[in-house]
N, C-alpha and C. Protein backbone atom coordinates (compact mmCIF):
# COMPACT_ATOMS: atom_id res chain seq x y z
N MET A 1 2.08 14.02 -19.57
CA MET A 1 1.09 13.69 -18.55
C MET A 1 1.11 14.82 -17.50
N ALA A 2 -0.09 15.27 -17.12
CA ALA A 2 -0.22 16.34 -16.14
C ALA A 2 0.09 15.82 -14.74
N LEU A 3 0.65 16.69 -13.91
CA LEU A 3 0.91 16.33 -12.52
C LEU A 3 -0.40 16.23 -11.76
N PRO A 4 -0.45 15.35 -10.76
CA PRO A 4 -1.65 15.24 -9.93
C PRO A 4 -1.87 16.51 -9.10
N GLU A 5 -3.09 16.65 -8.60
CA GLU A 5 -3.42 17.75 -7.70
C GLU A 5 -2.54 17.68 -6.45
N PRO A 6 -2.34 18.81 -5.76
CA PRO A 6 -1.50 18.82 -4.55
C PRO A 6 -1.94 17.81 -3.49
N VAL A 7 -3.24 17.65 -3.27
CA VAL A 7 -3.70 16.70 -2.26
C VAL A 7 -3.30 15.27 -2.66
N THR A 8 -3.36 14.97 -3.96
CA THR A 8 -2.95 13.65 -4.44
C THR A 8 -1.45 13.45 -4.24
N LEU A 9 -0.67 14.46 -4.57
CA LEU A 9 0.78 14.38 -4.35
C LEU A 9 1.11 14.15 -2.89
N ASP A 10 0.37 14.83 -2.00
CA ASP A 10 0.61 14.67 -0.57
C ASP A 10 0.39 13.22 -0.14
N TRP A 11 -0.68 12.59 -0.61
CA TRP A 11 -0.96 11.21 -0.23
C TRP A 11 0.00 10.23 -0.91
N LEU A 12 0.39 10.51 -2.14
CA LEU A 12 1.29 9.59 -2.85
C LEU A 12 2.70 9.59 -2.27
N PHE A 13 3.21 10.76 -1.89
CA PHE A 13 4.61 10.85 -1.49
C PHE A 13 4.81 10.97 0.02
N ASN A 14 3.76 10.91 0.79
CA ASN A 14 3.90 11.00 2.24
C ASN A 14 4.62 9.76 2.75
N GLN A 15 5.63 9.96 3.59
CA GLN A 15 6.46 8.86 4.08
C GLN A 15 5.90 8.21 5.35
N ASP A 16 4.89 8.83 5.95
CA ASP A 16 4.31 8.26 7.17
C ASP A 16 3.50 7.01 6.84
N SER A 17 3.05 6.34 7.85
CA SER A 17 2.22 5.15 7.69
C SER A 17 0.87 5.51 7.09
N LEU A 18 0.53 4.88 5.96
CA LEU A 18 -0.78 5.09 5.34
C LEU A 18 -1.87 4.63 6.29
N THR A 19 -1.63 3.57 7.03
CA THR A 19 -2.61 3.07 8.00
C THR A 19 -2.94 4.15 9.03
N ARG A 20 -1.93 4.84 9.53
CA ARG A 20 -2.17 5.89 10.54
C ARG A 20 -2.97 7.04 9.94
N ARG A 21 -2.63 7.42 8.71
CA ARG A 21 -3.35 8.52 8.06
C ARG A 21 -4.81 8.13 7.81
N LEU A 22 -5.04 6.91 7.36
CA LEU A 22 -6.41 6.46 7.11
C LEU A 22 -7.20 6.34 8.41
N THR A 23 -6.53 5.93 9.49
CA THR A 23 -7.19 5.85 10.79
C THR A 23 -7.65 7.23 11.24
N ARG A 24 -6.78 8.24 11.06
CA ARG A 24 -7.17 9.61 11.43
C ARG A 24 -8.30 10.10 10.54
N LEU A 25 -8.22 9.83 9.24
CA LEU A 25 -9.24 10.27 8.29
C LEU A 25 -10.61 9.68 8.63
N SER A 26 -10.61 8.43 9.08
CA SER A 26 -11.87 7.74 9.35
C SER A 26 -12.31 7.87 10.80
N ALA A 27 -11.66 8.74 11.57
CA ALA A 27 -11.99 8.91 13.00
C ALA A 27 -11.96 7.56 13.72
N ASN A 28 -10.87 6.82 13.50
CA ASN A 28 -10.63 5.50 14.11
C ASN A 28 -11.58 4.42 13.65
N GLY A 29 -12.24 4.61 12.50
CA GLY A 29 -13.12 3.58 11.96
C GLY A 29 -12.43 2.73 10.90
N PHE A 30 -11.11 2.78 10.86
CA PHE A 30 -10.30 2.08 9.86
C PHE A 30 -10.39 0.57 10.05
N SER A 31 -10.42 -0.16 8.93
CA SER A 31 -10.40 -1.62 9.01
C SER A 31 -9.64 -2.19 7.81
N VAL A 32 -9.22 -3.43 7.96
CA VAL A 32 -8.51 -4.15 6.91
C VAL A 32 -9.35 -5.36 6.53
N THR A 33 -9.64 -5.50 5.24
CA THR A 33 -10.41 -6.65 4.75
C THR A 33 -9.52 -7.46 3.81
N PRO A 34 -9.09 -8.66 4.23
CA PRO A 34 -8.26 -9.49 3.36
C PRO A 34 -9.04 -9.95 2.12
N LEU A 35 -8.40 -9.88 0.95
CA LEU A 35 -8.97 -10.37 -0.30
C LEU A 35 -8.33 -11.69 -0.72
N PHE A 36 -7.00 -11.75 -0.59
CA PHE A 36 -6.24 -12.94 -0.98
C PHE A 36 -4.96 -12.97 -0.17
N GLU A 37 -4.56 -14.18 0.18
CA GLU A 37 -3.30 -14.39 0.87
C GLU A 37 -2.77 -15.75 0.48
N GLY A 38 -1.55 -15.81 -0.02
CA GLY A 38 -0.95 -17.09 -0.34
C GLY A 38 0.21 -16.95 -1.31
N TRP A 39 0.82 -18.08 -1.61
CA TRP A 39 1.93 -18.11 -2.54
C TRP A 39 1.40 -18.02 -3.96
N GLN A 40 2.05 -17.20 -4.78
CA GLN A 40 1.71 -17.14 -6.20
C GLN A 40 2.89 -16.58 -6.98
N ALA A 41 2.83 -16.77 -8.28
CA ALA A 41 3.88 -16.25 -9.16
C ALA A 41 3.84 -14.72 -9.11
N LEU A 42 5.01 -14.11 -9.00
CA LEU A 42 5.10 -12.65 -8.97
C LEU A 42 5.16 -12.12 -10.40
N ARG A 43 4.61 -10.91 -10.59
CA ARG A 43 4.71 -10.26 -11.90
C ARG A 43 6.17 -9.89 -12.14
N MET A 44 6.51 -9.65 -13.39
CA MET A 44 7.89 -9.30 -13.76
C MET A 44 8.35 -8.02 -13.04
N ASP A 45 7.47 -7.01 -12.93
CA ASP A 45 7.87 -5.76 -12.27
C ASP A 45 8.10 -5.98 -10.78
N GLU A 46 7.35 -6.89 -10.17
CA GLU A 46 7.55 -7.20 -8.75
C GLU A 46 8.89 -7.91 -8.54
N CYS A 47 9.20 -8.85 -9.42
CA CYS A 47 10.50 -9.55 -9.34
C CYS A 47 11.64 -8.55 -9.46
N ALA A 48 11.51 -7.61 -10.41
CA ALA A 48 12.57 -6.60 -10.61
C ALA A 48 12.72 -5.72 -9.36
N ALA A 49 11.60 -5.29 -8.78
CA ALA A 49 11.65 -4.43 -7.60
C ALA A 49 12.28 -5.13 -6.40
N LEU A 50 12.08 -6.45 -6.31
CA LEU A 50 12.62 -7.22 -5.19
C LEU A 50 13.97 -7.85 -5.52
N ASP A 51 14.48 -7.59 -6.73
CA ASP A 51 15.76 -8.14 -7.18
C ASP A 51 15.74 -9.67 -7.14
N LEU A 52 14.63 -10.24 -7.66
CA LEU A 52 14.46 -11.69 -7.74
C LEU A 52 14.48 -12.12 -9.20
N PRO A 53 14.80 -13.37 -9.47
CA PRO A 53 14.73 -13.86 -10.85
C PRO A 53 13.29 -13.80 -11.37
N ASP A 54 13.14 -13.57 -12.66
CA ASP A 54 11.81 -13.58 -13.28
C ASP A 54 11.09 -14.89 -12.95
N HIS A 55 9.79 -14.80 -12.82
CA HIS A 55 8.91 -15.95 -12.56
C HIS A 55 9.08 -16.53 -11.15
N SER A 56 9.65 -15.74 -10.24
CA SER A 56 9.76 -16.20 -8.85
C SER A 56 8.37 -16.23 -8.22
N CYS A 57 8.23 -17.05 -7.20
CA CYS A 57 7.00 -17.09 -6.41
C CYS A 57 7.23 -16.30 -5.13
N GLY A 58 6.16 -15.75 -4.60
CA GLY A 58 6.26 -15.01 -3.34
C GLY A 58 4.94 -15.07 -2.60
N TRP A 59 4.99 -14.71 -1.33
CA TRP A 59 3.78 -14.65 -0.51
C TRP A 59 3.07 -13.34 -0.86
N VAL A 60 1.87 -13.43 -1.36
CA VAL A 60 1.11 -12.26 -1.78
C VAL A 60 -0.06 -12.07 -0.84
N ARG A 61 -0.23 -10.84 -0.39
CA ARG A 61 -1.35 -10.48 0.50
C ARG A 61 -2.03 -9.27 -0.11
N GLU A 62 -3.28 -9.43 -0.51
CA GLU A 62 -4.07 -8.33 -1.06
C GLU A 62 -5.18 -8.02 -0.08
N VAL A 63 -5.27 -6.75 0.30
CA VAL A 63 -6.29 -6.33 1.26
C VAL A 63 -6.91 -5.01 0.82
N TYR A 64 -8.12 -4.76 1.30
CA TYR A 64 -8.71 -3.44 1.23
C TYR A 64 -8.44 -2.76 2.55
N LEU A 65 -7.88 -1.55 2.49
CA LEU A 65 -7.76 -0.70 3.67
C LEU A 65 -8.94 0.25 3.57
N GLN A 66 -9.82 0.20 4.55
CA GLN A 66 -11.03 1.01 4.45
C GLN A 66 -11.44 1.52 5.81
N ASP A 67 -12.30 2.55 5.82
CA ASP A 67 -12.75 3.00 7.11
C ASP A 67 -13.73 1.99 7.61
N GLY A 68 -14.29 2.29 8.42
CA GLY A 68 -15.10 1.33 9.11
C GLY A 68 -14.05 0.38 9.77
N GLY A 69 11.50 -13.30 11.04
CA GLY A 69 10.32 -13.82 10.94
C GLY A 69 9.05 -13.10 11.11
N LEU A 70 8.43 -12.89 10.08
CA LEU A 70 7.23 -12.17 9.89
C LEU A 70 6.17 -13.17 9.53
N ASN A 71 5.06 -13.19 10.31
CA ASN A 71 4.00 -14.16 10.06
C ASN A 71 2.88 -13.50 9.29
N MET A 72 3.11 -13.19 8.00
CA MET A 72 2.09 -12.54 7.20
C MET A 72 0.84 -13.39 7.09
N ASP A 73 1.00 -14.70 7.13
CA ASP A 73 -0.17 -15.58 7.02
C ASP A 73 -1.02 -15.55 8.29
N GLU A 74 -0.56 -14.84 9.33
CA GLU A 74 -1.32 -14.74 10.58
C GLU A 74 -1.76 -13.31 10.87
N LEU A 75 -1.60 -12.39 9.92
CA LEU A 75 -1.98 -11.00 10.16
C LEU A 75 -3.49 -10.82 10.24
N GLY A 76 -4.23 -11.63 9.48
CA GLY A 76 -5.69 -11.51 9.50
C GLY A 76 -6.13 -10.10 9.16
N SER A 77 -6.87 -9.46 10.04
CA SER A 77 -7.38 -8.12 9.77
C SER A 77 -6.46 -7.02 10.27
N ARG A 78 -5.22 -7.37 10.67
CA ARG A 78 -4.24 -6.35 11.07
C ARG A 78 -3.54 -5.81 9.84
N SER A 79 -3.10 -4.58 9.89
CA SER A 79 -2.42 -3.94 8.78
C SER A 79 -0.95 -4.29 8.76
N LEU A 80 -0.46 -4.74 7.61
CA LEU A 80 0.97 -5.00 7.43
C LEU A 80 1.76 -3.70 7.58
N GLY A 81 1.23 -2.61 7.04
CA GLY A 81 1.91 -1.33 7.12
C GLY A 81 2.17 -0.90 8.55
N GLU A 82 1.18 -1.08 9.41
CA GLU A 82 1.35 -0.69 10.81
C GLU A 82 2.45 -1.53 11.45
N LEU A 83 2.51 -2.82 11.12
CA LEU A 83 3.55 -3.68 11.64
C LEU A 83 4.93 -3.20 11.17
N LEU A 84 5.04 -2.85 9.90
CA LEU A 84 6.32 -2.41 9.35
C LEU A 84 6.79 -1.11 9.98
N PHE A 85 5.87 -0.18 10.24
CA PHE A 85 6.25 1.10 10.82
C PHE A 85 6.55 1.01 12.30
N CYS A 86 6.08 -0.05 12.96
CA CYS A 86 6.34 -0.22 14.39
C CYS A 86 7.64 -0.99 14.65
N ASP A 87 8.20 -1.62 13.64
CA ASP A 87 9.42 -2.41 13.78
C ASP A 87 10.58 -1.61 13.19
N ALA A 88 11.41 -1.02 14.05
CA ALA A 88 12.51 -0.17 13.60
C ALA A 88 13.56 -0.93 12.79
N ALA A 89 13.52 -2.26 12.80
CA ALA A 89 14.51 -3.04 12.04
C ALA A 89 14.24 -2.99 10.54
N PHE A 90 13.02 -2.63 10.13
CA PHE A 90 12.71 -2.54 8.70
C PHE A 90 13.17 -1.21 8.15
N GLU A 91 13.84 -1.27 7.00
CA GLU A 91 14.25 -0.06 6.28
C GLU A 91 13.37 0.07 5.05
N ARG A 92 12.86 1.30 4.82
CA ARG A 92 11.99 1.54 3.67
C ARG A 92 12.81 2.08 2.52
N GLY A 93 12.63 1.49 1.35
CA GLY A 93 13.28 1.98 0.14
C GLY A 93 12.52 3.15 -0.46
N ALA A 94 12.94 3.58 -1.62
CA ALA A 94 12.33 4.72 -2.30
C ALA A 94 10.89 4.41 -2.71
N LEU A 95 10.06 5.44 -2.69
CA LEU A 95 8.69 5.31 -3.18
C LEU A 95 8.69 5.39 -4.69
N GLU A 96 7.94 4.51 -5.33
CA GLU A 96 7.71 4.56 -6.77
C GLU A 96 6.23 4.88 -6.96
N VAL A 97 5.92 5.83 -7.83
CA VAL A 97 4.54 6.27 -8.05
C VAL A 97 4.20 6.11 -9.52
N CYS A 98 2.97 5.66 -9.81
CA CYS A 98 2.53 5.51 -11.19
C CYS A 98 1.00 5.42 -11.25
N HIS A 99 0.48 5.48 -12.48
CA HIS A 99 -0.91 5.12 -12.70
C HIS A 99 -0.93 3.59 -12.71
N TYR A 100 -1.71 3.00 -11.83
CA TYR A 100 -1.71 1.55 -11.66
C TYR A 100 -2.57 0.90 -12.75
N PRO A 101 -2.05 -0.12 -13.44
CA PRO A 101 -2.84 -0.78 -14.48
C PRO A 101 -4.11 -1.43 -13.91
N GLY A 102 -5.24 -1.13 -14.51
CA GLY A 102 -6.51 -1.69 -14.06
C GLY A 102 -6.53 -3.21 -14.06
N ALA A 103 -5.77 -3.83 -14.98
CA ALA A 103 -5.74 -5.30 -15.08
C ALA A 103 -5.13 -5.94 -13.83
N TRP A 104 -4.38 -5.19 -13.05
CA TRP A 104 -3.75 -5.74 -11.85
C TRP A 104 -4.63 -5.61 -10.61
N LEU A 105 -5.78 -4.99 -10.75
CA LEU A 105 -6.70 -4.76 -9.63
C LEU A 105 -7.78 -5.84 -9.58
N PRO A 106 -8.42 -6.03 -8.40
CA PRO A 106 -9.57 -6.93 -8.34
C PRO A 106 -10.64 -6.46 -9.32
N ALA A 107 -11.40 -7.38 -9.87
CA ALA A 107 -12.38 -7.08 -10.92
C ALA A 107 -13.31 -5.92 -10.56
N ASP A 108 -13.76 -5.85 -9.32
CA ASP A 108 -14.69 -4.79 -8.92
C ASP A 108 -14.06 -3.40 -8.94
N ASP A 109 -12.74 -3.32 -8.94
CA ASP A 109 -12.04 -2.04 -8.92
C ASP A 109 -11.13 -1.86 -10.14
N ALA A 110 -11.32 -2.65 -11.17
CA ALA A 110 -10.45 -2.62 -12.34
C ALA A 110 -10.71 -1.38 -13.18
N VAL A 111 -10.21 -0.24 -12.70
CA VAL A 111 -10.35 1.05 -13.37
C VAL A 111 -8.96 1.49 -13.81
N GLU A 112 -8.86 2.02 -15.01
CA GLU A 112 -7.57 2.53 -15.48
C GLU A 112 -7.32 3.92 -14.90
N GLY A 113 -6.05 4.24 -14.72
CA GLY A 113 -5.66 5.59 -14.34
C GLY A 113 -5.66 5.89 -12.86
N LEU A 114 -5.88 4.89 -12.00
CA LEU A 114 -5.82 5.14 -10.56
C LEU A 114 -4.36 5.31 -10.15
N TRP A 115 -4.12 6.23 -9.22
CA TRP A 115 -2.77 6.43 -8.73
C TRP A 115 -2.40 5.32 -7.75
N GLY A 116 -1.17 4.88 -7.83
CA GLY A 116 -0.64 3.89 -6.91
C GLY A 116 0.79 4.21 -6.56
N ARG A 117 1.25 3.58 -5.51
CA ARG A 117 2.65 3.74 -5.10
C ARG A 117 3.11 2.42 -4.50
N ARG A 118 4.41 2.25 -4.46
CA ARG A 118 4.96 1.07 -3.80
C ARG A 118 6.35 1.41 -3.29
N SER A 119 6.77 0.63 -2.30
CA SER A 119 8.14 0.73 -1.81
C SER A 119 8.52 -0.62 -1.22
N CYS A 120 9.80 -0.86 -1.21
CA CYS A 120 10.34 -2.11 -0.70
C CYS A 120 10.80 -1.88 0.75
N PHE A 121 10.39 -2.76 1.64
CA PHE A 121 10.84 -2.74 3.02
C PHE A 121 11.78 -3.93 3.19
N SER A 122 12.90 -3.72 3.87
CA SER A 122 13.83 -4.83 4.05
C SER A 122 14.31 -4.90 5.50
N ARG A 123 14.58 -6.11 5.90
CA ARG A 123 15.16 -6.39 7.22
C ARG A 123 16.07 -7.59 7.01
N GLY A 124 17.37 -7.32 6.92
CA GLY A 124 18.31 -8.39 6.62
C GLY A 124 18.01 -8.97 5.24
N ALA A 125 17.86 -10.29 5.17
CA ALA A 125 17.60 -10.95 3.90
C ALA A 125 16.12 -10.91 3.50
N LEU A 126 15.26 -10.46 4.39
CA LEU A 126 13.82 -10.41 4.12
C LEU A 126 13.46 -9.12 3.40
N SER A 127 12.78 -9.24 2.26
CA SER A 127 12.32 -8.07 1.52
C SER A 127 10.82 -8.18 1.29
N LEU A 128 10.13 -7.07 1.50
CA LEU A 128 8.68 -7.00 1.28
C LEU A 128 8.39 -5.84 0.35
N LEU A 129 7.61 -6.09 -0.68
CA LEU A 129 7.19 -5.03 -1.59
C LEU A 129 5.75 -4.67 -1.23
N VAL A 130 5.55 -3.44 -0.82
CA VAL A 130 4.22 -2.98 -0.41
C VAL A 130 3.71 -2.01 -1.47
N ALA A 131 2.62 -2.39 -2.14
CA ALA A 131 1.99 -1.53 -3.15
C ALA A 131 0.63 -1.08 -2.64
N GLU A 132 0.33 0.19 -2.85
CA GLU A 132 -0.93 0.77 -2.41
C GLU A 132 -1.56 1.50 -3.59
N VAL A 133 -2.83 1.21 -3.86
CA VAL A 133 -3.56 1.87 -4.93
C VAL A 133 -4.67 2.69 -4.29
N PHE A 134 -4.78 3.94 -4.69
CA PHE A 134 -5.74 4.86 -4.10
C PHE A 134 -7.03 4.84 -4.91
N LEU A 135 -8.07 4.23 -4.35
CA LEU A 135 -9.36 4.09 -5.03
C LEU A 135 -10.16 5.40 -4.94
N PRO A 136 -11.10 5.60 -5.85
CA PRO A 136 -11.88 6.85 -5.87
C PRO A 136 -12.57 7.18 -4.55
N ASN A 137 -12.99 6.20 -3.77
CA ASN A 137 -13.65 6.48 -2.50
C ASN A 137 -12.75 7.24 -1.53
N LEU A 138 -11.43 7.01 -1.60
CA LEU A 138 -10.51 7.74 -0.72
C LEU A 138 -10.54 9.22 -1.03
N TRP A 139 -10.48 9.58 -2.32
CA TRP A 139 -10.45 10.99 -2.68
C TRP A 139 -11.74 11.68 -2.26
N HIS A 140 -12.85 10.97 -2.35
CA HIS A 140 -14.13 11.53 -1.90
C HIS A 140 -14.09 11.75 -0.38
N ALA A 141 -13.58 10.77 0.37
CA ALA A 141 -13.50 10.90 1.83
C ALA A 141 -12.59 12.05 2.23
N ILE A 142 -11.50 12.25 1.53
CA ILE A 142 -10.57 13.35 1.82
C ILE A 142 -11.25 14.68 1.55
N GLU A 143 -11.97 14.76 0.44
CA GLU A 143 -12.68 15.99 0.08
C GLU A 143 -13.72 16.36 1.15
N VAL A 144 -14.44 15.37 1.64
CA VAL A 144 -15.47 15.59 2.64
C VAL A 144 -14.85 15.97 4.00
N ALA A 145 -13.76 15.27 4.36
CA ALA A 145 -13.15 15.47 5.69
C ALA A 145 -12.25 16.70 5.76
N GLY A 146 -11.72 17.14 4.64
CA GLY A 146 -10.77 18.23 4.67
C GLY A 146 -9.37 17.68 4.89
N PRO A 147 -8.37 18.55 5.11
CA PRO A 147 -6.98 18.10 5.23
C PRO A 147 -6.77 17.18 6.44
N VAL A 148 -5.88 16.23 6.25
CA VAL A 148 -5.48 15.33 7.33
C VAL A 148 -4.10 15.75 7.78
N VAL A 149 -3.93 15.95 9.05
CA VAL A 149 -2.64 16.42 9.60
C VAL A 149 -1.61 15.31 9.45
N THR A 150 -0.46 15.66 8.95
CA THR A 150 0.63 14.72 8.77
C THR A 150 1.37 14.55 10.09
N GLU A 151 1.68 13.29 10.40
CA GLU A 151 2.42 12.98 11.62
C GLU A 151 3.90 13.18 11.37
N ARG A 152 4.58 13.85 12.27
CA ARG A 152 6.03 14.03 12.17
C ARG A 152 6.69 13.43 13.39
N HIS A 153 7.76 12.68 13.19
CA HIS A 153 8.48 12.06 14.31
C HIS A 153 9.88 12.59 14.36
């Protein structure tokens, strides 16, 4: 399998908040649109990443990030990523990168071969698995806008 283009590698492996990068890319027009939120059975790969028994249930939150005690059920249109990056108590695990299976995406975006990444955030006994899939519209927006400056702290 061929390596992705440098711009794709930069977005996949960047350790900064994706929310902050998207906000800069969209000139502060960033928004979060919830698709689903609630308890559901986790996939086998999610259970493995969270070190849970197979067939465990978890709180699942699926959102579109687009331009234009943790109470995840009360986040609404706020970004979970921004919350995680603002709370120094959360530790981020290693990034995992892959081509995301189209079957795991909402029907309108069920395309094979899209790049995705995920990492586990933990705070004590609480573990959150955050997966991000980069849809074709992002690559178009990056191409039009040019490079996005990476934030360094």
